[in-house]
């Protein structure tokens, strides 16, 4: 397999002893699979940190990458994420590695940060924890942070602060760190450089050049491939019937594969149901699908059973498929680049982009008017896959800079002080528990997370632990379907329904749910499972 010049330059830097490398390369360039080449180079050099921990922001991406890498590295690959099982051919199950003991560990950021800061992911709610086991493995590993733009979102203070605190800890441990993203902006680069001042940034450009810690690589083959891909820019209204008719024409008359991304679960579910009723082979993906249903959709997609995939921004995670047409709402510049990156992803084609820049009259459609105006003026001149101007076109990077959500990347000082306390070599268990429970509200990366079981109370009572996991999805308390709650439970050796009706009632109250969550964790030492009425589930 030919190694792309951008990846090859990273391998040269690793061989030259550079510990901190940022791969800022376009969508579809092969950054994630470049992790394999990095692992091979580390093994070849025989350095102490030849174990790799590949950190991803979302479970769905972990599952996709673990399947792909297992086919190459076999049992050297393991994963850690809140996923039931990752199966491959003939029922083979990829090993789970909560303590990162494999040669190549693929993990969510949530698991990584808890293991890093003394809250081992398998012992989250225990009073006493064996935190030195994963801690030692991290200290003797090379760490790849993939899709890092998601981790450096200024709107997510806990995750942002935890990510930068992790970089500081890894720098002090002298661990090799590689950061990958297609959509970094200058303020994000500065935030990384403040923690890793010797970091070398690798980007594509119109000619090879090097300036201090910035290396520009020209990849002629990638440039020509992208140059032969054309995107037509179109605008359409938000009426569901017009979207459906357009999709039917694109599929039946033009033989196109269509991707639809609109950030409203109810809206995309109705599109899905109508397209399905019209005989269109269509799949549905959103953040409230159960693990069982999402796995079924991905398998069908991999086997080319769909002509249309419709969903929310959850599609951006773990969907490694190429389409001809995109229909979407321009709501965020970085997300838009990621979505367009799935059009003509692996081969030259004539891509069609349809932007919805109006409401449907029922406040279902959210879009950025400024971004829409920008696309109307400059959309036809944007080079969606090259991070530099060429042939009179402007780079997508210009759009990212103009529409970055915040000028400055600012951490939470309260969270930072707590992370600093947790990274000390020794810290009393009482203090660990206080920081985790009170300062971080039981999660070092995000808001409090809760499992939502969708088959109802009666099915939960007779389900196996495996089925409870498969028929659930994860959400945070702000988005939990509290109006649909039937009961609460948790999984021990078997599913357990709780009998505390007052606690269930508190979970139904948006003003009391946060305190009720803490009470549940303290009483049962487990993650709450919210059991909802089956007719509330918006599945495929």
Protein backbone atom coordinates (compact mmCIF):
# COMPACT_ATOMS: atom_id res chain seq x y z
CA UNK A 1 0.00 0.00 0.00
CA UNK A 2 1.34 3.43 -0.97
CA UNK A 3 1.67 5.77 1.98
CA UNK A 4 0.46 9.30 1.30
CA UNK A 5 3.11 12.04 1.56
CA UNK A 6 1.46 13.72 4.57
CA UNK A 7 1.50 10.46 6.54
CA UNK A 8 5.00 9.64 5.34
CA UNK A 9 6.29 12.97 6.64
CA UNK A 10 4.88 12.12 10.08
CA UNK A 11 6.73 8.79 10.00
CA UNK A 12 9.97 10.62 9.16
CA UNK A 13 9.46 12.95 12.11
CA UNK A 14 8.80 10.03 14.45
CA UNK A 15 11.98 8.36 13.27
CA UNK A 16 13.82 11.64 13.86
CA UNK A 17 12.68 11.72 17.50
CA UNK A 18 9.81 14.23 17.30
CA UNK A 19 7.30 13.46 20.04
CA UNK A 20 4.45 15.84 19.20
CA UNK A 21 2.93 15.85 15.70
CA UNK A 22 -0.32 17.39 14.44
CA UNK A 23 -1.68 15.93 11.20
CA UNK A 24 -4.00 18.57 9.80
CA UNK A 25 -5.10 16.76 6.65
CA UNK A 26 -8.36 16.79 4.64
CA UNK A 27 -11.36 14.47 4.93
CA UNK A 28 -10.84 11.20 3.10
CA UNK A 29 -7.04 11.55 3.18
CA UNK A 30 -6.46 8.44 5.31
CA UNK A 31 -5.50 10.01 8.63
CA UNK A 32 -7.18 7.36 10.77
CA UNK A 33 -5.70 4.42 8.85
CA UNK A 34 -2.36 6.24 9.08
CA UNK A 35 -2.42 5.09 12.70
CA UNK A 36 -1.41 1.64 11.44
CA UNK A 37 1.69 3.06 9.77
CA UNK A 38 2.55 4.98 12.93
CA UNK A 39 2.23 1.78 14.97
CA UNK A 40 4.47 -0.09 12.52
CA UNK A 41 7.09 2.65 12.64
CA UNK A 42 7.10 2.68 16.45
CA UNK A 43 7.46 -1.11 16.53
CA UNK A 44 10.26 -0.97 13.97
CA UNK A 45 12.13 1.62 16.05
CA UNK A 46 11.68 -0.46 19.20
CA UNK A 47 11.02 2.53 21.43
CA UNK A 48 9.46 1.90 24.88
CA UNK A 49 6.17 3.54 23.88
CA UNK A 50 5.45 1.15 20.97
CA UNK A 51 1.99 0.36 22.37
CA UNK A 52 -0.59 2.65 20.71
CA UNK A 53 -3.73 4.10 22.29
CA UNK A 54 -5.89 5.49 19.48
CA UNK A 55 -8.42 7.90 21.03
CA UNK A 56 -11.65 8.81 19.24
CA UNK A 57 -14.45 11.10 20.41
CA UNK A 58 -17.40 8.79 19.71
CA UNK A 59 -18.27 5.11 20.17
CA UNK A 60 -19.50 4.65 16.62
CA UNK A 61 -16.11 5.62 15.21
CA UNK A 62 -14.37 3.23 17.63
CA UNK A 63 -16.51 0.36 16.37
CA UNK A 64 -15.83 1.15 12.70
CA UNK A 65 -12.07 1.52 13.16
CA UNK A 66 -11.77 -1.60 15.34
CA UNK A 67 -13.41 -3.70 12.63
CA UNK A 68 -11.10 -2.32 9.93
CA UNK A 69 -7.89 -2.63 11.94
CA UNK A 70 -8.69 -6.12 13.23
CA UNK A 71 -8.71 -7.32 9.64
CA UNK A 72 -5.06 -6.22 9.42
CA UNK A 73 -3.56 -6.65 12.90
CA UNK A 74 -5.82 -9.44 14.17
CA UNK A 75 -5.49 -10.11 17.92
CA UNK A 76 -3.06 -7.24 18.41
CA UNK A 77 -6.11 -4.96 18.26
CA UNK A 78 -8.50 -4.41 21.16
CA UNK A 79 -11.03 -1.71 21.98
CA UNK A 80 -12.58 0.08 24.92
CA UNK A 81 -15.96 1.79 24.63
CA UNK A 82 -19.50 1.46 25.93
CA UNK A 83 -20.31 -1.03 23.18
CA UNK A 84 -21.82 -4.46 23.82
CA UNK A 85 -19.61 -6.54 21.49
CA UNK A 86 -17.87 -5.86 18.21
CA UNK A 87 -18.26 -8.94 16.05
CA UNK A 88 -16.63 -9.71 12.74
CA UNK A 89 -16.78 -12.66 10.34
CA UNK A 90 -18.16 -15.98 11.63
CA UNK A 91 -19.13 -14.51 14.99
CA UNK A 92 -15.57 -13.66 16.05
CA UNK A 93 -15.62 -11.03 18.85
CA UNK A 94 -12.91 -8.38 19.05
CA UNK A 95 -11.41 -8.33 22.53
CA UNK A 96 -12.31 -5.52 24.90
CA UNK A 97 -9.37 -3.91 26.71
CA UNK A 98 -10.51 -1.59 29.52
CA UNK A 99 -6.94 -1.34 30.88
CA UNK A 100 -5.29 -0.74 27.46
CA UNK A 101 -3.16 -3.89 27.52
CA UNK A 102 -3.24 -4.64 23.75
CA UNK A 103 -0.59 -3.62 21.24
CA UNK A 104 -3.13 -1.39 19.48
CA UNK A 105 -5.93 -0.03 21.68
CA UNK A 106 -8.85 1.84 20.11
CA UNK A 107 -10.86 3.75 22.69
CA UNK A 108 -13.31 6.56 23.24
CA UNK A 109 -12.07 9.79 24.76
CA UNK A 110 -14.41 9.18 27.70
CA UNK A 111 -12.70 5.89 28.57
CA UNK A 112 -9.25 7.38 28.00
CA UNK A 113 -9.69 10.41 30.24
CA UNK A 114 -11.21 8.39 33.09
CA UNK A 115 -8.36 5.88 32.93
CA UNK A 116 -5.85 8.74 32.77
CA UNK A 117 -7.17 10.64 35.77
CA UNK A 118 -7.59 7.80 38.28
CA UNK A 119 -11.21 6.82 37.58
CA UNK A 120 -10.70 3.42 35.85
CA UNK A 121 -13.56 2.92 33.44
CA UNK A 122 -14.43 -0.50 34.91
CA UNK A 123 -14.53 0.88 38.47
CA UNK A 124 -16.20 4.26 37.98
CA UNK A 125 -18.63 3.99 40.89
CA UNK A 126 -16.46 2.05 43.35
CA UNK A 127 -15.16 3.61 46.53
CA UNK A 128 -11.66 2.15 45.99
CA UNK A 129 -10.12 1.92 42.52
CA UNK A 130 -7.09 0.16 41.00
CA UNK A 131 -6.08 3.20 38.99
CA UNK A 132 -2.37 2.44 38.66
CA UNK A 133 -2.94 -0.35 36.12
CA UNK A 134 -4.37 1.76 33.24
CA UNK A 135 -2.32 4.75 34.44
CA UNK A 136 0.93 2.78 33.94
CA UNK A 137 -0.16 1.58 30.50
CA UNK A 138 -0.90 5.13 29.36
CA UNK A 139 2.48 6.31 30.64
CA UNK A 140 4.21 3.70 28.46
CA UNK A 141 2.20 4.25 25.25
CA UNK A 142 2.06 6.49 22.23
CA UNK A 143 -1.29 8.29 22.04
CA UNK A 144 -3.19 9.27 18.88
CA UNK A 145 -6.05 11.76 19.28
CA UNK A 146 -8.23 11.37 16.17
CA UNK A 147 -11.05 13.73 15.06
CA UNK A 148 -9.56 16.11 17.61
CA UNK A 149 -11.69 19.08 16.51
CA UNK A 150 -14.57 17.51 18.44
CA UNK A 151 -12.46 17.46 21.62
CA UNK A 152 -11.53 21.14 21.31
CA UNK A 153 -15.03 22.59 21.14
CA UNK A 154 -15.13 25.72 23.36
CA UNK A 155 -18.80 25.04 24.02
CA UNK A 156 -17.88 21.81 25.85
CA UNK A 157 -15.73 23.16 28.70
CA UNK A 158 -15.28 19.88 30.54
CA UNK A 159 -14.13 17.97 27.46
CA UNK A 160 -11.94 20.83 26.21
CA UNK A 161 -10.24 21.27 29.60
CA UNK A 162 -9.77 17.52 30.00
CA UNK A 163 -8.21 17.20 26.57
CA UNK A 164 -5.68 19.97 27.16
CA UNK A 165 -4.95 18.63 30.66
CA UNK A 166 -4.31 15.21 29.09
CA UNK A 167 -1.84 16.76 26.63
CA UNK A 168 0.01 18.40 29.52
CA UNK A 169 0.22 15.12 31.42
CA UNK A 170 1.43 13.19 28.35
CA UNK A 171 4.02 15.88 27.60
CA UNK A 172 5.39 15.60 31.14
CA UNK A 173 5.51 11.81 30.75
CA UNK A 174 7.46 12.29 27.48
CA UNK A 175 4.93 10.14 25.62
CA UNK A 176 4.66 10.51 21.84
CA UNK A 177 1.43 12.33 20.95
CA UNK A 178 -0.14 12.55 17.47
CA UNK A 179 -3.21 14.74 16.92
CA UNK A 180 -5.37 14.38 13.78
CA UNK A 181 -8.11 16.57 12.31
CA UNK A 182 -9.31 18.03 9.02
CA UNK A 183 -10.90 21.14 10.50
CA UNK A 184 -8.58 22.93 12.90
CA UNK A 185 -8.71 26.73 13.05
CA UNK A 186 -5.93 29.09 14.07
CA UNK A 187 -7.22 29.56 17.61
CA UNK A 188 -7.24 25.78 18.10
CA UNK A 189 -3.69 25.51 16.77
CA UNK A 190 -2.63 28.17 19.26
CA UNK A 191 -4.32 26.32 22.14
CA UNK A 192 -2.44 23.12 21.23
CA UNK A 193 0.86 24.97 20.80
CA UNK A 194 0.48 26.58 24.23
CA UNK A 195 0.55 23.09 25.77
CA UNK A 196 2.90 21.44 23.26
CA UNK A 197 5.24 24.27 22.16
CA UNK A 198 7.45 21.90 20.16
CA UNK A 199 4.51 20.40 18.21
CA UNK A 200 5.06 20.12 14.46
CA UNK A 201 2.03 20.82 12.26
CA UNK A 202 1.79 18.95 8.93
CA UNK A 203 -0.58 20.39 6.31
CA UNK A 204 -1.11 20.11 2.57
CA UNK A 205 -0.21 23.02 0.31
CA UNK A 206 0.56 24.00 -3.26
CA UNK A 207 4.29 23.43 -2.74
CA UNK A 208 6.63 21.76 -0.27
CA UNK A 209 7.95 24.13 2.38
CA UNK A 210 8.98 24.21 6.02
CA UNK A 211 8.82 27.12 8.43
CA UNK A 212 9.72 26.54 12.08
CA UNK A 213 7.12 24.07 13.38
CA UNK A 214 4.97 24.14 10.24
CA UNK A 215 5.58 21.69 7.41
CA UNK A 216 3.68 22.05 4.14
CA UNK A 217 3.49 19.00 1.87
CA UNK A 218 2.26 18.92 -1.70
CA UNK A 219 0.43 15.68 -2.52
CA UNK A 220 0.10 15.77 -6.30
CA UNK A 221 -1.89 12.53 -6.52
CA UNK A 222 -4.48 13.68 -3.96
CA UNK A 223 -4.63 17.11 -5.58
CA UNK A 224 -5.34 15.64 -9.00
CA UNK A 225 -7.97 13.30 -7.63
CA UNK A 226 -9.76 16.14 -5.88
CA UNK A 227 -9.29 18.41 -8.88
CA UNK A 228 -11.23 15.95 -11.05
CA UNK A 229 -14.16 15.96 -8.61
CA UNK A 230 -16.81 18.60 -9.25
CA UNK A 231 -19.50 19.83 -6.88
CA UNK A 232 -22.62 21.63 -8.05
CA UNK A 233 -24.12 24.03 -5.50
CA UNK A 234 -27.92 24.19 -5.20
CA UNK A 235 -30.42 25.66 -2.75
CA UNK A 236 -33.83 24.21 -1.95
CA UNK A 237 -36.75 24.85 0.35
CA UNK A 238 -37.47 22.96 3.56
CA UNK A 239 -40.88 21.51 2.72
CA UNK A 240 -40.77 17.77 3.43
CA UNK A 241 -42.74 16.92 0.30
CA UNK A 242 -40.26 18.82 -1.89
CA UNK A 243 -37.29 17.09 -0.26
CA UNK A 244 -38.97 13.69 -0.74
CA UNK A 245 -39.80 14.36 -4.40
CA UNK A 246 -36.26 15.55 -5.08
CA UNK A 247 -34.80 12.42 -3.47
CA UNK A 248 -37.11 10.12 -5.43
CA UNK A 249 -36.04 11.78 -8.69
CA UNK A 250 -32.35 11.59 -7.78
CA UNK A 251 -32.62 7.89 -6.92
CA UNK A 252 -35.03 6.60 -9.56
CA UNK A 253 -34.18 8.79 -12.54
CA UNK A 254 -30.55 9.78 -11.95
CA UNK A 255 -29.43 6.62 -10.09
CA UNK A 256 -27.76 8.62 -7.31
CA UNK A 257 -26.92 7.70 -3.73
CA UNK A 258 -28.20 10.42 -1.41
CA UNK A 259 -27.11 11.55 2.05
CA UNK A 260 -29.54 13.75 4.02
CA UNK A 261 -28.36 15.44 7.24
CA UNK A 262 -30.77 17.65 9.18
CA UNK A 263 -30.43 18.17 12.94
CA UNK A 264 -33.97 17.37 14.02
CA UNK A 265 -34.80 13.78 14.96
CA UNK A 266 -38.54 14.15 14.44
CA UNK A 267 -38.08 15.76 11.03
CA UNK A 268 -35.63 13.16 9.68
CA UNK A 269 -37.71 10.30 11.09
CA UNK A 270 -40.73 11.52 9.11
CA UNK A 271 -38.60 11.82 5.96
CA UNK A 272 -37.36 8.29 6.53
CA UNK A 273 -40.85 6.87 7.02
CA UNK A 274 -42.24 8.61 3.93
CA UNK A 275 -39.33 7.54 1.71
CA UNK A 276 -39.66 3.98 2.98
CA UNK A 277 -43.40 4.03 2.23
CA UNK A 278 -42.57 5.22 -1.29
CA UNK A 279 -40.40 2.16 -1.87
CA UNK A 280 -37.01 3.87 -1.58
CA UNK A 281 -34.26 1.74 0.04
CA UNK A 282 -33.47 4.07 2.95
CA UNK A 283 -31.65 3.92 6.29
CA UNK A 284 -32.04 6.13 9.36
CA UNK A 285 -29.30 7.25 11.76
CA UNK A 286 -29.68 9.57 14.75
CA UNK A 287 -28.38 9.82 18.30
CA UNK A 288 -31.40 8.06 19.83
CA UNK A 289 -31.11 4.79 17.93
CA UNK A 290 -30.46 1.72 20.05
CA UNK A 291 -27.16 -0.08 19.59
CA UNK A 292 -29.02 -2.97 17.97
CA UNK A 293 -30.75 -0.76 15.40
CA UNK A 294 -27.66 1.31 14.61
CA UNK A 295 -25.61 -1.84 14.05
CA UNK A 296 -28.28 -3.14 11.68
CA UNK A 297 -28.27 0.12 9.70
CA UNK A 298 -24.46 0.12 9.41
CA UNK A 299 -24.43 -3.51 8.25
CA UNK A 300 -27.07 -2.76 5.61
CA UNK A 301 -25.14 0.29 4.50
CA UNK A 302 -21.91 -1.70 4.21
CA UNK A 303 -23.77 -4.25 2.08
CA UNK A 304 -25.12 -1.52 -0.26
CA UNK A 305 -28.75 -2.12 0.69
CA UNK A 306 -29.59 1.60 0.82
CA UNK A 307 -29.83 4.25 -1.85
CA UNK A 308 -30.54 6.94 0.75
CA UNK A 309 -29.23 7.54 4.24
CA UNK A 310 -31.11 10.13 6.28
CA UNK A 311 -30.34 11.38 9.76
CA UNK A 312 -28.90 13.97 12.10
CA UNK A 313 -25.27 14.93 12.66
CA UNK A 314 -24.86 11.48 14.28
CA UNK A 315 -24.25 10.37 10.68
CA UNK A 316 -20.89 12.15 10.84
CA UNK A 317 -19.61 9.49 13.26
CA UNK A 318 -18.65 6.03 12.07
CA UNK A 319 -20.26 6.26 8.61
CA UNK A 320 -17.41 5.52 6.22
CA UNK A 321 -19.35 5.57 2.96
CA UNK A 322 -19.33 7.65 -0.21
CA UNK A 323 -22.43 9.30 -1.70
CA UNK A 324 -23.17 11.30 -4.86
CA UNK A 325 -25.57 13.83 -3.35
CA UNK A 326 -25.81 15.76 -0.07
CA UNK A 327 -28.96 17.48 1.16
CA UNK A 328 -28.33 19.37 4.38
CA UNK A 329 -28.81 22.47 6.49
CA UNK A 330 -25.70 24.69 6.81
CA UNK A 331 -25.74 25.03 10.60
CA UNK A 332 -22.01 24.80 11.40
CA UNK A 333 -19.01 25.29 9.10
CA UNK A 334 -16.85 22.48 10.50
CA UNK A 335 -19.74 19.99 10.39
CA UNK A 336 -20.54 21.07 6.85
CA UNK A 337 -16.98 20.28 5.73
CA UNK A 338 -17.25 16.84 7.33
CA UNK A 339 -20.57 16.16 5.56
CA UNK A 340 -19.33 17.30 2.16
CA UNK A 341 -16.31 15.05 2.74
CA UNK A 342 -18.66 12.07 2.33
CA UNK A 343 -19.60 13.11 -1.19
CA UNK A 344 -17.33 11.53 -3.84
CA UNK A 345 -15.20 10.42 -0.87
CA UNK A 346 -13.11 7.72 -2.52
CA UNK A 347 -13.47 8.24 -6.24
CA UNK A 348 -13.88 11.00 -8.78
CA UNK A 349 -17.49 11.90 -9.49
CA UNK A 350 -19.82 14.83 -10.01
CA UNK A 351 -21.16 15.61 -6.57
CA UNK A 352 -24.37 17.54 -5.96
CA UNK A 353 -24.79 19.69 -2.86
CA UNK A 354 -28.26 20.93 -1.86
CA UNK A 355 -28.39 23.46 0.97
CA UNK A 356 -31.62 24.14 2.87
CA UNK A 357 -31.57 27.79 3.91
CA UNK A 358 -35.11 28.36 5.12
CA UNK A 359 -37.44 27.04 7.82
CA UNK A 360 -40.25 24.61 7.12
CA UNK A 361 -42.74 26.84 8.92
CA UNK A 362 -42.79 24.68 12.05
CA UNK A 363 -39.39 25.66 13.46
CA UNK A 364 -37.93 22.23 12.65
CA UNK A 365 -35.03 23.49 10.55
CA UNK A 366 -32.03 25.17 12.15
CA UNK A 367 -29.48 26.86 9.90
CA UNK A 368 -27.02 29.73 10.01
CA UNK A 369 -28.23 32.63 7.88
CA UNK A 370 -24.71 34.07 7.73
CA UNK A 371 -23.29 30.75 6.57
CA UNK A 372 -26.07 30.41 4.00
CA UNK A 373 -25.34 33.92 2.69
CA UNK A 374 -21.66 33.00 2.45
CA UNK A 375 -22.49 29.85 0.48
CA UNK A 376 -24.75 31.78 -1.88
CA UNK A 377 -21.90 34.19 -2.64
CA UNK A 378 -18.89 31.88 -2.56
CA UNK A 379 -20.17 28.29 -2.47
CA UNK A 380 -19.34 27.56 -6.11
CA UNK A 381 -15.75 28.73 -5.52
CA UNK A 382 -15.03 26.64 -2.42
CA UNK A 383 -12.59 23.78 -2.77
CA UNK A 384 -14.18 21.43 -0.24
CA UNK A 385 -11.30 18.98 0.06
CA UNK A 386 -8.09 21.00 -0.45
CA UNK A 387 -6.88 23.21 2.43
CA UNK A 388 -5.36 25.78 0.05
CA UNK A 389 -6.48 27.93 -2.88
CA UNK A 390 -6.07 26.53 -6.38
CA UNK A 391 -7.26 27.42 -9.89
CA UNK A 392 -9.14 30.49 -8.66
CA UNK A 393 -11.02 28.55 -5.98
CA UNK A 394 -10.80 29.29 -2.27
CA UNK A 395 -10.04 26.72 0.41
CA UNK A 396 -12.60 25.40 2.87
CA UNK A 397 -10.18 26.60 5.56
CA UNK A 398 -11.16 30.20 4.76
CA UNK A 399 -14.77 29.35 5.59
CA UNK A 400 -13.73 27.60 8.83
CA UNK A 401 -11.80 30.68 9.97
CA UNK A 402 -14.66 33.03 9.17
CA UNK A 403 -17.25 30.94 11.02
CA UNK A 404 -15.32 29.55 13.98
CA UNK A 405 -17.71 29.62 16.96
CA UNK A 406 -15.28 31.34 19.37
CA UNK A 407 -12.30 33.63 18.89
CA UNK A 408 -10.50 32.34 21.97
CA UNK A 409 -10.16 28.82 23.35
CA UNK A 410 -10.62 29.16 27.10
CA UNK A 411 -10.50 26.32 29.60
CA UNK A 412 -12.50 26.14 32.81
CA UNK A 413 -10.09 26.98 35.64
CA UNK A 414 -12.20 25.06 38.16
CA UNK A 415 -12.05 21.91 36.03
CA UNK A 416 -8.36 22.46 35.32
CA UNK A 417 -7.51 22.66 39.04
CA UNK A 418 -9.45 19.45 39.61
CA UNK A 419 -7.63 17.65 36.78
CA UNK A 420 -4.31 18.88 38.19
CA UNK A 421 -5.22 17.41 41.56
CA UNK A 422 -6.16 14.07 40.00
CA UNK A 423 -2.87 13.75 38.12
CA UNK A 424 -0.76 13.73 41.30
CA UNK A 425 1.10 10.44 41.85
CA UNK A 426 -0.79 9.83 45.08
CA UNK A 427 -4.15 11.28 46.08
CA UNK A 428 -6.45 10.03 48.89
CA UNK A 429 -9.45 8.04 47.71
CA UNK A 430 -11.80 10.37 49.59
CA UNK A 431 -10.51 13.31 47.57
CA UNK A 432 -10.80 11.38 44.29
CA UNK A 433 -14.42 10.59 45.12
CA UNK A 434 -15.18 14.17 46.12
CA UNK A 435 -13.74 15.60 42.90
CA UNK A 436 -15.45 13.00 40.72
CA UNK A 437 -18.83 13.20 42.43
CA UNK A 438 -19.08 16.89 43.27
CA UNK A 439 -16.78 18.79 40.91
CA UNK A 440 -17.30 16.67 37.80
CA UNK A 441 -20.83 15.35 38.48
CA UNK A 442 -19.81 11.72 37.87
CA UNK A 443 -18.25 12.26 34.43
CA UNK A 444 -14.82 13.73 33.55
CA UNK A 445 -15.67 14.39 29.89
CA UNK A 446 -19.30 15.34 29.49
CA UNK A 447 -22.54 16.13 31.24
CA UNK A 448 -24.05 13.29 33.26
CA UNK A 449 -24.81 10.40 30.89
CA UNK A 450 -27.73 8.05 31.20
CA UNK A 451 -28.74 4.86 29.41
CA UNK A 452 -32.24 4.83 27.87
CA UNK A 453 -33.87 1.41 27.47
CA UNK A 454 -36.63 1.59 24.85
CA UNK A 455 -38.60 -1.68 25.21
CA UNK A 456 -40.54 -0.78 28.35
CA UNK A 457 -40.64 -1.96 31.95
CA UNK A 458 -42.05 -5.45 31.34
CA UNK A 459 -39.40 -6.34 28.71
CA UNK A 460 -36.63 -4.94 30.92
CA UNK A 461 -37.69 -7.23 33.79
CA UNK A 462 -37.18 -10.36 31.67
CA UNK A 463 -34.33 -9.19 29.40
CA UNK A 464 -30.78 -10.49 29.60
CA UNK A 465 -28.00 -8.01 30.44
CA UNK A 466 -26.82 -8.23 26.83
CA UNK A 467 -30.27 -7.38 25.49
CA UNK A 468 -30.57 -4.42 27.85
CA UNK A 469 -27.35 -3.00 26.40
CA UNK A 470 -28.38 -3.65 22.79
CA UNK A 471 -31.86 -2.16 23.23
CA UNK A 472 -30.58 1.05 24.83
CA UNK A 473 -28.88 4.24 23.75
CA UNK A 474 -26.84 6.80 25.68
CA UNK A 475 -27.77 10.43 26.13
CA UNK A 476 -27.15 13.23 28.61
CA UNK A 477 -29.61 14.44 31.22
CA UNK A 478 -30.52 17.57 29.25
CA UNK A 479 -31.79 15.44 26.34
CA UNK A 480 -33.25 12.52 28.27
CA UNK A 481 -36.90 11.71 27.37
CA UNK A 482 -38.22 12.38 30.88
CA UNK A 483 -41.86 12.59 29.75
CA UNK A 484 -41.68 8.95 28.63
CA UNK A 485 -40.22 7.38 31.79
CA UNK A 486 -41.89 4.18 32.99
CA UNK A 487 -39.28 3.15 35.54
CA UNK A 488 -35.57 3.12 36.43
CA UNK A 489 -33.13 0.27 36.72
CA UNK A 490 -29.53 -0.82 36.43
CA UNK A 491 -27.58 -3.91 35.41
CA UNK A 492 -25.73 -6.00 37.97
CA UNK A 493 -25.40 -9.69 37.14
CA UNK A 494 -29.00 -9.36 35.89
CA UNK A 495 -31.19 -6.32 35.13
CA UNK A 496 -32.59 -4.80 38.32
CA UNK A 497 -35.74 -2.66 38.53
CA UNK A 498 -35.71 -0.18 41.39
CA UNK A 499 -38.73 0.19 43.65
CA UNK A 500 -38.13 3.80 44.79
CA UNK A 501 -41.13 5.56 43.22
CA UNK A 502 -40.11 8.97 44.61
CA UNK A 503 -36.74 8.70 42.81
CA UNK A 504 -38.53 7.83 39.56
CA UNK A 505 -40.73 10.88 40.06
CA UNK A 506 -37.67 13.09 40.60
CA UNK A 507 -36.22 11.85 37.29
CA UNK A 508 -39.39 13.12 35.59
CA UNK A 509 -38.77 16.64 36.94
CA UNK A 510 -36.22 18.70 34.94
CA UNK A 511 -35.43 20.76 38.06
CA UNK A 512 -34.69 17.71 40.22
CA UNK A 513 -33.21 15.19 37.79
CA UNK A 514 -29.57 16.22 38.39
CA UNK A 515 -29.85 15.68 42.15
CA UNK A 516 -31.81 12.47 41.56
CA UNK A 517 -29.00 11.21 39.31
CA UNK A 518 -26.45 11.74 42.07
CA UNK A 519 -28.69 10.04 44.61
CA UNK A 520 -29.15 7.05 42.29
CA UNK A 521 -25.38 6.63 41.77
CA UNK A 522 -24.67 6.88 45.50
CA UNK A 523 -27.43 4.41 46.41
CA UNK A 524 -26.86 1.79 43.71
CA UNK A 525 -23.22 2.42 42.59
CA UNK A 526 -24.26 2.05 38.96
CA UNK A 527 -25.19 4.11 35.91
CA UNK A 528 -28.96 4.72 35.88
CA UNK A 529 -31.00 3.14 33.13
CA UNK A 530 -34.08 5.14 32.18
CA UNK A 531 -36.80 2.76 31.03
CA UNK A 532 -39.20 4.45 28.62
CA UNK A 533 -42.52 3.53 27.04
CA UNK A 534 -42.00 1.61 23.79
CA UNK A 535 -44.19 3.99 21.78
CA UNK A 536 -41.77 6.83 22.57
CA UNK A 537 -38.92 5.22 20.63
CA UNK A 538 -38.12 6.81 17.28
CA UNK A 539 -36.22 3.93 15.75
CA UNK A 540 -35.65 2.50 12.31
